[in-house]
Amino acid sequence: MTKRIIIVVASALLLAGAYFAFHFYRLFTNPVSLCDDYRIYITPADTQQSVLESILKGNPEASVKGLEYFLNRRDYDSHIHTGCYTVLSGAAPKQVADMLLGGAQTPVRLTINSTRTVDQMVRAISGQIMLDSAQIASRLNSPALLDSLGYTPATIFCMIIPNTYQVYWNTSADALISRLVKERDRFWTDERKAKAKNIGLTEQEVVTLASIVEEETSKSDELTVVAGLYMNRLKRKMPLQADPTVIFALGGERPKRVLKKHLEVDSPYNTYKYPGLPPAPIRFVSTRSIDAVLNYSKHNYLYMCAKEDFSGYHNFTASLSQHNANAARYQRALRNAGIR
């Protein structure tokens, strides 16, 4: 009888051991998630608990018990790395733990569009990475930093080439700026430098003219035409008479229309008063506008006026009398539409 009891007890213990071993094995080998890959973003304020909650938020069906075990074992709360991390479908708990503990983050896409001001640029960048706008603004507005990079508050528009870049979500402000300067230098290939030299402009002057062209038209198929018009004026030593430069010179709130009184503003950026290009760009500039200047259209146009159909396109002409006629038609269209 005693022998039978021993056998029964031993069998029960073996079964229990097998049961717990099986579940212990599953705990550490079951994938954290079987859904599609998804990302979590970890900030300095995060803890182990909040990171696990982020994973569950990304996939409520995720299994985090095994992951929690590995994170506890290695005191994750004392070794949290900020950044963007991808939880791969089918990844085992230890794989995910190693990724988080090792700071093996995933790069993110940072899309920088051409903007009119540094503040707009700062807000656009801060909305895509961990840096807040104050951190970025502090560095972009630092004369010492700009000087060390060869720029000034006026020429900062030359420093950043709007494009899409891969960066780490937790990149520092200085690392980001250094990266953007390198991308700017990479953009200016030997071919582009040669084209700038061939048209008689420095790189900064190309960007300055491109900033005017970009303000003058939103139509991609007009960019090279507008660039060619201003190149014609530069070659003839005619004032550029570009309204966007006057608006920039005025500062503050942009007027809906440039009036005669606005043309009197005394500023080196006022191309009605001062011949040649303004001293620096008036905005950040897209690559397509820069390339439009480098590859400007050859024609004899000297004047442009918005088309009276309000399509956003322009009438171009080499004749002042024809330009005046185009302008009269446009003014008439404005009056008929009740626009002052």
C-alpha atoms as a PDB file:
ATOM      1  CA  MET A   1       0.000   0.000   0.000  1.00  0.00           C
ATOM      2  CA  THR A   2       2.782   2.342   0.944  1.00  0.00           C
ATOM      3  CA  LYS A   3       4.583   1.534  -2.293  1.00  0.00           C
ATOM      4  CA  ARG A   4       1.466   2.290  -4.312  1.00  0.00           C
ATOM      5  CA  ILE A   5       1.052   5.649  -2.554  1.00  0.00           C
ATOM      6  CA  ILE A   6       4.661   6.506  -3.278  1.00  0.00           C
ATOM      7  CA  ILE A   7       4.153   5.683  -6.956  1.00  0.00           C
ATOM      8  CA  VAL A   8       0.994   7.784  -7.138  1.00  0.00           C
ATOM      9  CA  VAL A   9       2.623  10.723  -5.398  1.00  0.00           C
ATOM     10  CA  ALA A  10       5.700  10.474  -7.593  1.00  0.00           C
ATOM     11  CA  SER A  11       3.538  10.341 -10.719  1.00  0.00           C
ATOM     12  CA  ALA A  12       1.594  13.364  -9.557  1.00  0.00           C
ATOM     13  CA  LEU A  13       4.794  15.264  -8.880  1.00  0.00           C
ATOM     14  CA  LEU A  14       6.149  14.335 -12.287  1.00  0.00           C
ATOM     15  CA  LEU A  15       2.958  15.485 -13.974  1.00  0.00           C
ATOM     16  CA  ALA A  16       2.948  18.697 -11.997  1.00  0.00           C
ATOM     17  CA  GLY A  17       6.601  19.249 -12.799  1.00  0.00           C
ATOM     18  CA  ALA A  18       5.976  18.593 -16.478  1.00  0.00           C
ATOM     19  CA  TYR A  19       2.999  20.950 -16.418  1.00  0.00           C
ATOM     20  CA  PHE A  20       4.944  23.768 -14.810  1.00  0.00           C
ATOM     21  CA  ALA A  21       7.996  23.120 -16.971  1.00  0.00           C
ATOM     22  CA  PHE A  22       5.818  23.300 -20.070  1.00  0.00           C
ATOM     23  CA  HIS A  23       4.255  26.595 -19.009  1.00  0.00           C
ATOM     24  CA  PHE A  24       7.625  27.931 -17.836  1.00  0.00           C
ATOM     25  CA  TYR A  25       9.035  27.043 -21.272  1.00  0.00           C
ATOM     26  CA  ARG A  26       6.094  28.726 -23.026  1.00  0.00           C
ATOM     27  CA  LEU A  27       6.526  31.805 -20.851  1.00  0.00           C
ATOM     28  CA  PHE A  28      10.000  32.400 -22.251  1.00  0.00           C
ATOM     29  CA  THR A  29       9.563  31.157 -25.796  1.00  0.00           C
ATOM     30  CA  ASN A  30       6.116  32.413 -26.751  1.00  0.00           C
ATOM     31  CA  PRO A  31       6.469  35.447 -29.038  1.00  0.00           C
ATOM     32  CA  VAL A  32       5.701  38.772 -27.399  1.00  0.00           C
ATOM     33  CA  SER A  33       3.450  39.534 -30.356  1.00  0.00           C
ATOM     34  CA  LEU A  34       2.139  37.710 -33.380  1.00  0.00           C
ATOM     35  CA  CYS A  35       0.539  40.752 -35.011  1.00  0.00           C
ATOM     36  CA  ASP A  36       2.311  42.999 -37.532  1.00  0.00           C
ATOM     37  CA  ASP A  37       5.507  44.768 -36.490  1.00  0.00           C
ATOM     38  CA  TYR A  38       4.783  47.920 -34.498  1.00  0.00           C
ATOM     39  CA  ARG A  39       6.775  50.694 -32.880  1.00  0.00           C
ATOM     40  CA  ILE A  40       6.950  52.053 -29.372  1.00  0.00           C
ATOM     41  CA  TYR A  41       8.521  55.362 -28.350  1.00  0.00           C
ATOM     42  CA  ILE A  42      10.417  55.554 -25.079  1.00  0.00           C
ATOM     43  CA  THR A  43      11.077  58.892 -23.353  1.00  0.00           C
ATOM     44  CA  PRO A  44      13.166  59.765 -20.268  1.00  0.00           C
ATOM     45  CA  ALA A  45       9.965  59.708 -18.207  1.00  0.00           C
ATOM     46  CA  ASP A  46       9.225  56.063 -19.025  1.00  0.00           C
ATOM     47  CA  THR A  47       9.543  53.142 -16.621  1.00  0.00           C
ATOM     48  CA  GLN A  48       9.483  49.394 -17.131  1.00  0.00           C
ATOM     49  CA  GLN A  49       5.773  49.397 -16.372  1.00  0.00           C
ATOM     50  CA  SER A  50       4.958  52.178 -18.834  1.00  0.00           C
ATOM     51  CA  VAL A  51       7.039  50.472 -21.567  1.00  0.00           C
ATOM     52  CA  LEU A  52       5.097  47.225 -21.069  1.00  0.00           C
ATOM     53  CA  GLU A  53       1.868  49.227 -21.192  1.00  0.00           C
ATOM     54  CA  SER A  54       3.034  50.821 -24.470  1.00  0.00           C
ATOM     55  CA  ILE A  55       3.558  47.371 -25.947  1.00  0.00           C
ATOM     56  CA  LEU A  56       0.094  46.278 -24.847  1.00  0.00           C
ATOM     57  CA  LYS A  57      -1.374  49.486 -26.228  1.00  0.00           C
ATOM     58  CA  GLY A  58       0.224  48.725 -29.589  1.00  0.00           C
ATOM     59  CA  ASN A  59      -1.130  45.182 -29.432  1.00  0.00           C
ATOM     60  CA  PRO A  60      -3.620  44.308 -26.658  1.00  0.00           C
ATOM     61  CA  GLU A  61      -3.079  40.610 -27.430  1.00  0.00           C
ATOM     62  CA  ALA A  62       0.667  40.789 -26.741  1.00  0.00           C
ATOM     63  CA  SER A  63       2.199  38.407 -24.195  1.00  0.00           C
ATOM     64  CA  VAL A  64       4.521  40.380 -21.917  1.00  0.00           C
ATOM     65  CA  LYS A  65       5.010  38.064 -18.920  1.00  0.00           C
ATOM     66  CA  GLY A  66       8.202  36.545 -20.284  1.00  0.00           C
ATOM     67  CA  LEU A  67       9.493  39.960 -21.328  1.00  0.00           C
ATOM     68  CA  GLU A  68       8.726  41.310 -17.875  1.00  0.00           C
ATOM     69  CA  TYR A  69      10.774  38.470 -16.340  1.00  0.00           C
ATOM     70  CA  PHE A  70      13.860  39.254 -18.437  1.00  0.00           C
ATOM     71  CA  LEU A  71      13.545  42.999 -17.822  1.00  0.00           C
ATOM     72  CA  ASN A  72      13.228  42.444 -14.058  1.00  0.00           C
ATOM     73  CA  ARG A  73      16.255  40.178 -14.026  1.00  0.00           C
ATOM     74  CA  ARG A  74      18.425  42.899 -15.545  1.00  0.00           C
ATOM     75  CA  ASP A  75      16.938  45.851 -13.634  1.00  0.00           C
ATOM     76  CA  TYR A  76      15.522  47.580 -16.710  1.00  0.00           C
ATOM     77  CA  ASP A  77      14.266  50.549 -14.672  1.00  0.00           C
ATOM     78  CA  SER A  78      17.914  51.504 -14.119  1.00  0.00           C
ATOM     79  CA  HIS A  79      18.933  50.957 -17.737  1.00  0.00           C
ATOM     80  CA  ILE A  80      16.175  52.510 -19.857  1.00  0.00           C
ATOM     81  CA  HIS A  81      17.287  53.802 -23.251  1.00  0.00           C
ATOM     82  CA  THR A  82      15.093  56.380 -24.971  1.00  0.00           C
ATOM     83  CA  GLY A  83      14.242  56.024 -28.640  1.00  0.00           C
ATOM     84  CA  CYS A  84      11.959  54.380 -31.144  1.00  0.00           C
ATOM     85  CA  TYR A  85      11.865  50.579 -31.034  1.00  0.00           C
ATOM     86  CA  THR A  86      10.216  48.080 -33.355  1.00  0.00           C
ATOM     87  CA  VAL A  87       8.591  45.062 -31.754  1.00  0.00           C
ATOM     88  CA  LEU A  88       8.886  42.446 -34.475  1.00  0.00           C
ATOM     89  CA  SER A  89       6.132  39.939 -35.053  1.00  0.00           C
ATOM     90  CA  GLY A  90       7.212  36.573 -33.662  1.00  0.00           C
ATOM     91  CA  ALA A  91      10.103  37.952 -31.574  1.00  0.00           C
ATOM     92  CA  ALA A  92      10.777  35.961 -28.387  1.00  0.00           C
ATOM     93  CA  PRO A  93      10.721  37.764 -25.010  1.00  0.00           C
ATOM     94  CA  LYS A  94      14.517  37.643 -24.643  1.00  0.00           C
ATOM     95  CA  GLN A  95      14.979  39.142 -28.111  1.00  0.00           C
ATOM     96  CA  VAL A  96      12.747  42.081 -27.229  1.00  0.00           C
ATOM     97  CA  ALA A  97      14.434  42.481 -23.839  1.00  0.00           C
ATOM     98  CA  ASP A  98      17.886  42.482 -25.458  1.00  0.00           C
ATOM     99  CA  MET A  99      16.711  45.116 -27.936  1.00  0.00           C
ATOM    100  CA  LEU A 100      15.362  47.412 -25.220  1.00  0.00           C
ATOM    101  CA  LEU A 101      18.267  46.915 -22.828  1.00  0.00           C
ATOM    102  CA  GLY A 102      20.834  47.331 -25.607  1.00  0.00           C
ATOM    103  CA  GLY A 103      19.231  50.494 -27.009  1.00  0.00           C
ATOM    104  CA  ALA A 104      18.906  48.910 -30.474  1.00  0.00           C
ATOM    105  CA  GLN A 105      16.451  51.494 -31.715  1.00  0.00           C
ATOM    106  CA  THR A 106      14.886  51.892 -35.143  1.00  0.00           C
ATOM    107  CA  PRO A 107      15.629  55.009 -37.245  1.00  0.00           C
ATOM    108  CA  VAL A 108      12.635  57.192 -38.093  1.00  0.00           C
ATOM    109  CA  ARG A 109      11.912  59.299 -41.171  1.00  0.00           C
ATOM    110  CA  LEU A 110      12.332  63.016 -40.596  1.00  0.00           C
ATOM    111  CA  THR A 111      10.645  65.000 -43.341  1.00  0.00           C
ATOM    112  CA  ILE A 112      11.750  68.626 -43.537  1.00  0.00           C
ATOM    113  CA  ASN A 113       9.685  70.786 -45.839  1.00  0.00           C
ATOM    114  CA  SER A 114      10.654  74.242 -47.045  1.00  0.00           C
ATOM    115  CA  THR A 115       9.333  76.816 -44.573  1.00  0.00           C
ATOM    116  CA  ARG A 116       9.380  80.589 -44.413  1.00  0.00           C
ATOM    117  CA  THR A 117      10.824  81.016 -40.925  1.00  0.00           C
ATOM    118  CA  VAL A 118      13.156  79.345 -38.449  1.00  0.00           C
ATOM    119  CA  ASP A 119      10.268  79.052 -35.974  1.00  0.00           C
ATOM    120  CA  GLN A 120       8.206  77.123 -38.524  1.00  0.00           C
ATOM    121  CA  MET A 121      11.179  74.864 -39.197  1.00  0.00           C
ATOM    122  CA  VAL A 122      11.655  74.253 -35.467  1.00  0.00           C
ATOM    123  CA  ARG A 123       8.005  73.299 -34.970  1.00  0.00           C
ATOM    124  CA  ALA A 124       8.047  70.975 -37.976  1.00  0.00           C
ATOM    125  CA  ILE A 125      11.118  69.127 -36.725  1.00  0.00           C
ATOM    126  CA  SER A 126      10.036  68.890 -33.084  1.00  0.00           C
ATOM    127  CA  GLY A 127       6.749  67.311 -34.105  1.00  0.00           C
ATOM    128  CA  GLN A 128       8.590  64.314 -35.560  1.00  0.00           C
ATOM    129  CA  ILE A 129      11.323  63.475 -33.021  1.00  0.00           C
ATOM    130  CA  MET A 130      11.793  63.492 -29.241  1.00  0.00           C
ATOM    131  CA  LEU A 131      13.410  66.946 -29.138  1.00  0.00           C
ATOM    132  CA  ASP A 132      11.099  69.741 -28.076  1.00  0.00           C
ATOM    133  CA  SER A 133      10.967  72.999 -29.986  1.00  0.00           C
ATOM    134  CA  ALA A 134      12.812  74.965 -27.282  1.00  0.00           C
ATOM    135  CA  GLN A 135      15.851  72.678 -27.514  1.00  0.00           C
ATOM    136  CA  ILE A 136      16.069  73.010 -31.289  1.00  0.00           C
ATOM    137  CA  ALA A 137      15.371  76.746 -31.278  1.00  0.00           C
ATOM    138  CA  SER A 138      18.085  77.321 -28.677  1.00  0.00           C
ATOM    139  CA  ARG A 139      20.714  75.801 -30.954  1.00  0.00           C
ATOM    140  CA  LEU A 140      19.469  77.228 -34.264  1.00  0.00           C
ATOM    141  CA  ASN A 141      19.383  80.678 -32.691  1.00  0.00           C
ATOM    142  CA  SER A 142      22.862  80.388 -31.189  1.00  0.00           C
ATOM    143  CA  PRO A 143      25.228  82.825 -32.970  1.00  0.00           C
ATOM    144  CA  ALA A 144      28.222  80.923 -31.557  1.00  0.00           C
ATOM    145  CA  LEU A 145      27.052  77.597 -32.976  1.00  0.00           C
ATOM    146  CA  LEU A 146      26.136  79.113 -36.333  1.00  0.00           C
ATOM    147  CA  ASP A 147      29.502  80.859 -36.530  1.00  0.00           C
ATOM    148  CA  SER A 148      31.313  77.587 -35.806  1.00  0.00           C
ATOM    149  CA  LEU A 149      29.476  76.045 -38.758  1.00  0.00           C
ATOM    150  CA  GLY A 150      30.145  78.984 -41.075  1.00  0.00           C
ATOM    151  CA  TYR A 151      26.652  80.526 -40.967  1.00  0.00           C
ATOM    152  CA  THR A 152      24.916  83.562 -39.504  1.00  0.00           C
ATOM    153  CA  PRO A 153      21.310  84.153 -38.421  1.00  0.00           C
ATOM    154  CA  ALA A 154      20.751  85.631 -41.912  1.00  0.00           C
ATOM    155  CA  THR A 155      22.341  82.781 -43.867  1.00  0.00           C
ATOM    156  CA  ILE A 156      20.844  79.978 -41.762  1.00  0.00           C
ATOM    157  CA  PHE A 157      18.384  79.470 -44.644  1.00  0.00           C
ATOM    158  CA  CYS A 158      21.331  78.083 -46.611  1.00  0.00           C
ATOM    159  CA  MET A 159      22.227  75.591 -43.888  1.00  0.00           C
ATOM    160  CA  ILE A 160      19.292  73.178 -44.127  1.00  0.00           C
ATOM    161  CA  ILE A 161      18.197  71.429 -47.308  1.00  0.00           C
ATOM    162  CA  PRO A 162      14.549  70.358 -46.997  1.00  0.00           C
ATOM    163  CA  ASN A 163      14.289  66.642 -47.672  1.00  0.00           C
ATOM    164  CA  THR A 164      13.470  63.358 -45.942  1.00  0.00           C
ATOM    165  CA  TYR A 165      16.198  61.895 -43.748  1.00  0.00           C
ATOM    166  CA  GLN A 166      16.553  58.841 -41.523  1.00  0.00           C
ATOM    167  CA  VAL A 167      17.506  59.812 -37.972  1.00  0.00           C
ATOM    168  CA  TYR A 168      17.187  58.372 -34.502  1.00  0.00           C
ATOM    169  CA  TRP A 169      14.077  59.571 -32.701  1.00  0.00           C
ATOM    170  CA  ASN A 170      16.117  60.549 -29.620  1.00  0.00           C
ATOM    171  CA  THR A 171      18.861  62.396 -31.511  1.00  0.00           C
ATOM    172  CA  SER A 172      20.273  65.449 -29.744  1.00  0.00           C
ATOM    173  CA  ALA A 173      19.901  68.970 -31.141  1.00  0.00           C
ATOM    174  CA  ASP A 174      23.633  69.275 -31.866  1.00  0.00           C
ATOM    175  CA  ALA A 175      23.768  65.835 -33.515  1.00  0.00           C
ATOM    176  CA  LEU A 176      20.757  66.711 -35.658  1.00  0.00           C
ATOM    177  CA  ILE A 177      22.233  70.036 -36.778  1.00  0.00           C
ATOM    178  CA  SER A 178      25.567  68.390 -37.542  1.00  0.00           C
ATOM    179  CA  ARG A 179      23.744  65.791 -39.631  1.00  0.00           C
ATOM    180  CA  LEU A 180      21.779  68.442 -41.540  1.00  0.00           C
ATOM    181  CA  VAL A 181      24.948  70.399 -42.306  1.00  0.00           C
ATOM    182  CA  LYS A 182      26.537  67.212 -43.680  1.00  0.00           C
ATOM    183  CA  GLU A 183      23.429  66.585 -45.802  1.00  0.00           C
ATOM    184  CA  ARG A 184      23.651  70.141 -47.111  1.00  0.00           C
ATOM    185  CA  ASP A 185      27.290  69.575 -48.090  1.00  0.00           C
ATOM    186  CA  ARG A 186      26.354  66.264 -49.694  1.00  0.00           C
ATOM    187  CA  PHE A 187      23.593  67.983 -51.703  1.00  0.00           C
ATOM    188  CA  TRP A 188      26.114  70.384 -53.224  1.00  0.00           C
ATOM    189  CA  THR A 189      27.746  67.877 -55.537  1.00  0.00           C
ATOM    190  CA  ASP A 190      30.569  68.787 -57.879  1.00  0.00           C
ATOM    191  CA  GLU A 191      27.989  68.917 -60.679  1.00  0.00           C
ATOM    192  CA  ARG A 192      25.814  71.443 -58.858  1.00  0.00           C
ATOM    193  CA  LYS A 193      28.851  73.514 -57.880  1.00  0.00           C
ATOM    194  CA  ALA A 194      29.964  73.570 -61.515  1.00  0.00           C
ATOM    195  CA  LYS A 195      26.500  74.688 -62.664  1.00  0.00           C
ATOM    196  CA  ALA A 196      26.499  77.509 -60.111  1.00  0.00           C
ATOM    197  CA  LYS A 197      29.900  78.655 -61.328  1.00  0.00           C
ATOM    198  CA  ASN A 198      28.757  78.502 -64.957  1.00  0.00           C
ATOM    199  CA  ILE A 199      25.813  80.823 -64.297  1.00  0.00           C
ATOM    200  CA  GLY A 200      28.000  83.225 -62.312  1.00  0.00           C
ATOM    201  CA  LEU A 201      26.500  82.682 -58.856  1.00  0.00           C
ATOM    202  CA  THR A 202      27.876  81.433 -55.562  1.00  0.00           C
ATOM    203  CA  GLU A 203      26.057  78.631 -53.727  1.00  0.00           C
ATOM    204  CA  GLN A 204      24.543  81.182 -51.341  1.00  0.00           C
ATOM    205  CA  GLU A 205      23.403  83.349 -54.233  1.00  0.00           C
ATOM    206  CA  VAL A 206      21.777  80.341 -55.905  1.00  0.00           C
ATOM    207  CA  VAL A 207      19.826  79.613 -52.719  1.00  0.00           C
ATOM    208  CA  THR A 208      18.944  83.304 -52.361  1.00  0.00           C
ATOM    209  CA  LEU A 209      17.517  83.467 -55.871  1.00  0.00           C
ATOM    210  CA  ALA A 210      15.783  80.112 -55.382  1.00  0.00           C
ATOM    211  CA  SER A 211      14.080  81.471 -52.260  1.00  0.00           C
ATOM    212  CA  ILE A 212      12.589  84.296 -54.349  1.00  0.00           C
ATOM    213  CA  VAL A 213      11.546  81.921 -57.120  1.00  0.00           C
ATOM    214  CA  GLU A 214       9.840  79.629 -54.609  1.00  0.00           C
ATOM    215  CA  GLU A 215       7.851  82.531 -53.202  1.00  0.00           C
ATOM    216  CA  GLU A 216       6.861  83.761 -56.652  1.00  0.00           C
ATOM    217  CA  THR A 217       5.241  80.564 -57.929  1.00  0.00           C
ATOM    218  CA  SER A 218       3.826  77.350 -56.526  1.00  0.00           C
ATOM    219  CA  LYS A 219       3.714  75.787 -59.992  1.00  0.00           C
ATOM    220  CA  SER A 220       6.602  73.376 -60.542  1.00  0.00           C
ATOM    221  CA  ASP A 221       6.474  73.845 -64.315  1.00  0.00           C
ATOM    222  CA  GLU A 222       7.022  77.605 -63.892  1.00  0.00           C
ATOM    223  CA  LEU A 223      10.049  77.459 -61.619  1.00  0.00           C
ATOM    224  CA  THR A 224      12.732  77.417 -64.309  1.00  0.00           C
ATOM    225  CA  VAL A 225      10.888  80.139 -66.242  1.00  0.00           C
ATOM    226  CA  VAL A 226      10.743  82.450 -63.229  1.00  0.00           C
ATOM    227  CA  ALA A 227      14.384  81.683 -62.453  1.00  0.00           C
ATOM    228  CA  GLY A 228      15.299  82.589 -66.035  1.00  0.00           C
ATOM    229  CA  LEU A 229      13.385  85.876 -65.785  1.00  0.00           C
ATOM    230  CA  TYR A 230      15.366  86.968 -62.727  1.00  0.00           C
ATOM    231  CA  MET A 231      18.627  85.816 -64.278  1.00  0.00           C
ATOM    232  CA  ASN A 232      17.815  88.038 -67.262  1.00  0.00           C
ATOM    233  CA  ARG A 233      17.291  90.991 -64.907  1.00  0.00           C
ATOM    234  CA  LEU A 234      20.536  90.294 -63.063  1.00  0.00           C
ATOM    235  CA  LYS A 235      22.478  90.160 -66.322  1.00  0.00           C
ATOM    236  CA  ARG A 236      20.965  93.475 -67.426  1.00  0.00           C
ATOM    237  CA  LYS A 237      21.615  94.986 -63.974  1.00  0.00           C
ATOM    238  CA  MET A 238      17.899  95.695 -63.653  1.00  0.00           C
ATOM    239  CA  PRO A 239      16.343  95.777 -60.158  1.00  0.00           C
ATOM    240  CA  LEU A 240      14.703  92.425 -59.467  1.00  0.00           C
ATOM    241  CA  GLN A 241      11.554  94.162 -58.181  1.00  0.00           C
ATOM    242  CA  ALA A 242      10.442  90.963 -56.480  1.00  0.00           C
ATOM    243  CA  ASP A 243       7.455  91.447 -54.178  1.00  0.00           C
ATOM    244  CA  PRO A 244       8.450  88.560 -51.853  1.00  0.00           C
ATOM    245  CA  THR A 245      11.635  90.423 -50.900  1.00  0.00           C
ATOM    246  CA  VAL A 246       9.569  93.454 -49.913  1.00  0.00           C
ATOM    247  CA  ILE A 247       7.288  91.282 -47.781  1.00  0.00           C
ATOM    248  CA  PHE A 248      10.349  89.796 -46.086  1.00  0.00           C
ATOM    249  CA  ALA A 249      11.778  93.279 -45.488  1.00  0.00           C
ATOM    250  CA  LEU A 250       8.552  94.375 -43.834  1.00  0.00           C
ATOM    251  CA  GLY A 251       8.801  91.595 -41.252  1.00  0.00           C
ATOM    252  CA  GLY A 252       5.952  90.659 -38.945  1.00  0.00           C
ATOM    253  CA  GLU A 253       2.551  89.978 -40.458  1.00  0.00           C
ATOM    254  CA  ARG A 254       2.555  89.440 -44.202  1.00  0.00           C
ATOM    255  CA  PRO A 255       0.321  91.844 -46.169  1.00  0.00           C
ATOM    256  CA  LYS A 256      -2.181  90.178 -48.494  1.00  0.00           C
ATOM    257  CA  ARG A 257      -0.990  92.393 -51.342  1.00  0.00           C
ATOM    258  CA  VAL A 258       2.100  94.529 -51.817  1.00  0.00           C
ATOM    259  CA  LEU A 259       1.036  98.166 -52.159  1.00  0.00           C
ATOM    260  CA  LYS A 260       2.993 101.198 -53.329  1.00  0.00           C
ATOM    261  CA  LYS A 261       3.619 102.303 -49.733  1.00  0.00           C
ATOM    262  CA  HIS A 262       5.271  98.971 -48.982  1.00  0.00           C
ATOM    263  CA  LEU A 263       7.831  99.521 -51.725  1.00  0.00           C
ATOM    264  CA  GLU A 264       9.344 102.387 -49.729  1.00  0.00           C
ATOM    265  CA  VAL A 265      10.627 100.211 -46.884  1.00  0.00           C
ATOM    266  CA  ASP A 266      14.349 100.887 -46.476  1.00  0.00           C
ATOM    267  CA  SER A 267      15.972  97.494 -46.314  1.00  0.00           C
ATOM    268  CA  PRO A 268      18.736  95.753 -48.275  1.00  0.00           C
ATOM    269  CA  TYR A 269      16.120  93.049 -48.892  1.00  0.00           C
ATOM    270  CA  ASN A 270      13.896  95.513 -50.789  1.00  0.00           C
ATOM    271  CA  THR A 271      14.768  94.688 -54.396  1.00  0.00           C
ATOM    272  CA  TYR A 272      12.744  97.677 -55.617  1.00  0.00           C
ATOM    273  CA  LYS A 273      15.182 100.012 -53.850  1.00  0.00           C
ATOM    274  CA  TYR A 274      18.422  98.062 -54.095  1.00  0.00           C
ATOM    275  CA  PRO A 275      19.729  96.360 -57.243  1.00  0.00           C
ATOM    276  CA  GLY A 276      20.997  92.810 -57.370  1.00  0.00           C
ATOM    277  CA  LEU A 277      20.200  89.951 -55.060  1.00  0.00           C
ATOM    278  CA  PRO A 278      19.300  90.564 -51.423  1.00  0.00           C
ATOM    279  CA  PRO A 279      22.064  89.754 -48.904  1.00  0.00           C
ATOM    280  CA  ALA A 280      20.682  86.305 -48.010  1.00  0.00           C
ATOM    281  CA  PRO A 281      17.755  83.975 -48.722  1.00  0.00           C
ATOM    282  CA  ILE A 282      14.287  84.942 -47.524  1.00  0.00           C
ATOM    283  CA  ARG A 283      13.193  81.415 -46.592  1.00  0.00           C
ATOM    284  CA  PHE A 284      14.256  77.784 -46.511  1.00  0.00           C
ATOM    285  CA  VAL A 285      14.278  76.458 -50.063  1.00  0.00           C
ATOM    286  CA  SER A 286      13.237  73.177 -51.658  1.00  0.00           C
ATOM    287  CA  THR A 287      15.694  71.208 -53.757  1.00  0.00           C
ATOM    288  CA  ARG A 288      13.486  71.637 -56.816  1.00  0.00           C
ATOM    289  CA  SER A 289      13.757  75.446 -56.599  1.00  0.00           C
ATOM    290  CA  ILE A 290      17.532  75.287 -56.206  1.00  0.00           C
ATOM    291  CA  ASP A 291      17.786  73.000 -59.216  1.00  0.00           C
ATOM    292  CA  ALA A 292      15.416  75.293 -61.123  1.00  0.00           C
ATOM    293  CA  VAL A 293      17.902  78.145 -60.699  1.00  0.00           C
ATOM    294  CA  LEU A 294      20.855  75.952 -61.664  1.00  0.00           C
ATOM    295  CA  ASN A 295      18.946  74.846 -64.769  1.00  0.00           C
ATOM    296  CA  TYR A 296      16.988  78.015 -65.484  1.00  0.00           C
ATOM    297  CA  SER A 297      15.124  78.410 -68.783  1.00  0.00           C
ATOM    298  CA  LYS A 298      16.742  80.513 -71.497  1.00  0.00           C
ATOM    299  CA  HIS A 299      14.256  83.113 -72.782  1.00  0.00           C
ATOM    300  CA  ASN A 300      13.893  86.886 -73.051  1.00  0.00           C
ATOM    301  CA  TYR A 301      11.232  87.472 -70.370  1.00  0.00           C
ATOM    302  CA  LEU A 302      11.750  90.397 -68.001  1.00  0.00           C
ATOM    303  CA  TYR A 303       8.284  90.798 -66.504  1.00  0.00           C
ATOM    304  CA  MET A 304       5.684  88.551 -64.919  1.00  0.00           C
ATOM    305  CA  CYS A 305       2.160  89.110 -63.670  1.00  0.00           C
ATOM    306  CA  ALA A 306      -0.363  86.737 -62.119  1.00  0.00           C
ATOM    307  CA  LYS A 307      -2.897  85.475 -64.653  1.00  0.00           C
ATOM    308  CA  GLU A 308      -6.335  86.998 -64.473  1.00  0.00           C
ATOM    309  CA  ASP A 309      -7.959  83.549 -64.196  1.00  0.00           C
ATOM    310  CA  PHE A 310      -6.507  83.166 -60.655  1.00  0.00           C
ATOM    311  CA  SER A 311      -5.026  79.816 -61.653  1.00  0.00           C
ATOM    312  CA  GLY A 312      -1.765  80.570 -59.861  1.00  0.00           C
ATOM    313  CA  TYR A 313       0.078  80.745 -63.172  1.00  0.00           C
ATOM    314  CA  HIS A 314       1.660  83.880 -64.635  1.00  0.00           C
ATOM    315  CA  ASN A 315       1.794  85.839 -67.860  1.00  0.00           C
ATOM    316  CA  PHE A 316       5.399  86.436 -68.947  1.00  0.00           C
ATOM    317  CA  THR A 317       6.658  89.044 -71.350  1.00  0.00           C
ATOM    318  CA  ALA A 318       9.776  90.894 -72.440  1.00  0.00           C
ATOM    319  CA  SER A 319       7.794  94.084 -73.137  1.00  0.00           C
ATOM    320  CA  LEU A 320       6.964  96.646 -70.434  1.00  0.00           C
ATOM    321  CA  SER A 321       3.913  97.819 -72.369  1.00  0.00           C
ATOM    322  CA  GLN A 322       2.628  94.253 -72.619  1.00  0.00           C
ATOM    323  CA  HIS A 323       3.349  93.758 -68.931  1.00  0.00           C
ATOM    324  CA  ASN A 324       1.302  96.847 -68.094  1.00  0.00           C
ATOM    325  CA  ALA A 325      -1.559  95.460 -70.166  1.00  0.00           C
ATOM    326  CA  ASN A 326      -1.291  92.115 -68.326  1.00  0.00           C
ATOM    327  CA  ALA A 327      -1.261  93.933 -64.984  1.00  0.00           C
ATOM    328  CA  ALA A 328      -4.338  95.982 -65.962  1.00  0.00           C
ATOM    329  CA  ARG A 329      -6.216  92.802 -66.845  1.00  0.00           C
ATOM    330  CA  TYR A 330      -5.285  91.257 -63.513  1.00  0.00           C
ATOM    331  CA  GLN A 331      -6.316  94.377 -61.562  1.00  0.00           C
ATOM    332  CA  ARG A 332      -9.642  94.390 -63.397  1.00  0.00           C
ATOM    333  CA  ALA A 333     -10.189  90.733 -62.504  1.00  0.00           C
ATOM    334  CA  LEU A 334      -9.472  91.516 -58.858  1.00  0.00           C
ATOM    335  CA  ARG A 335     -12.024  94.340 -58.843  1.00  0.00           C
ATOM    336  CA  ASN A 336     -14.645  92.180 -60.558  1.00  0.00           C
ATOM    337  CA  ALA A 337     -14.084  89.493 -57.928  1.00  0.00           C
ATOM    338  CA  GLY A 338     -14.444  92.056 -55.148  1.00  0.00           C
ATOM    339  CA  ILE A 339     -10.837  91.585 -54.015  1.00  0.00           C
ATOM    340  CA  ARG A 340      -9.071  94.676 -52.770  1.00  0.00           C
END
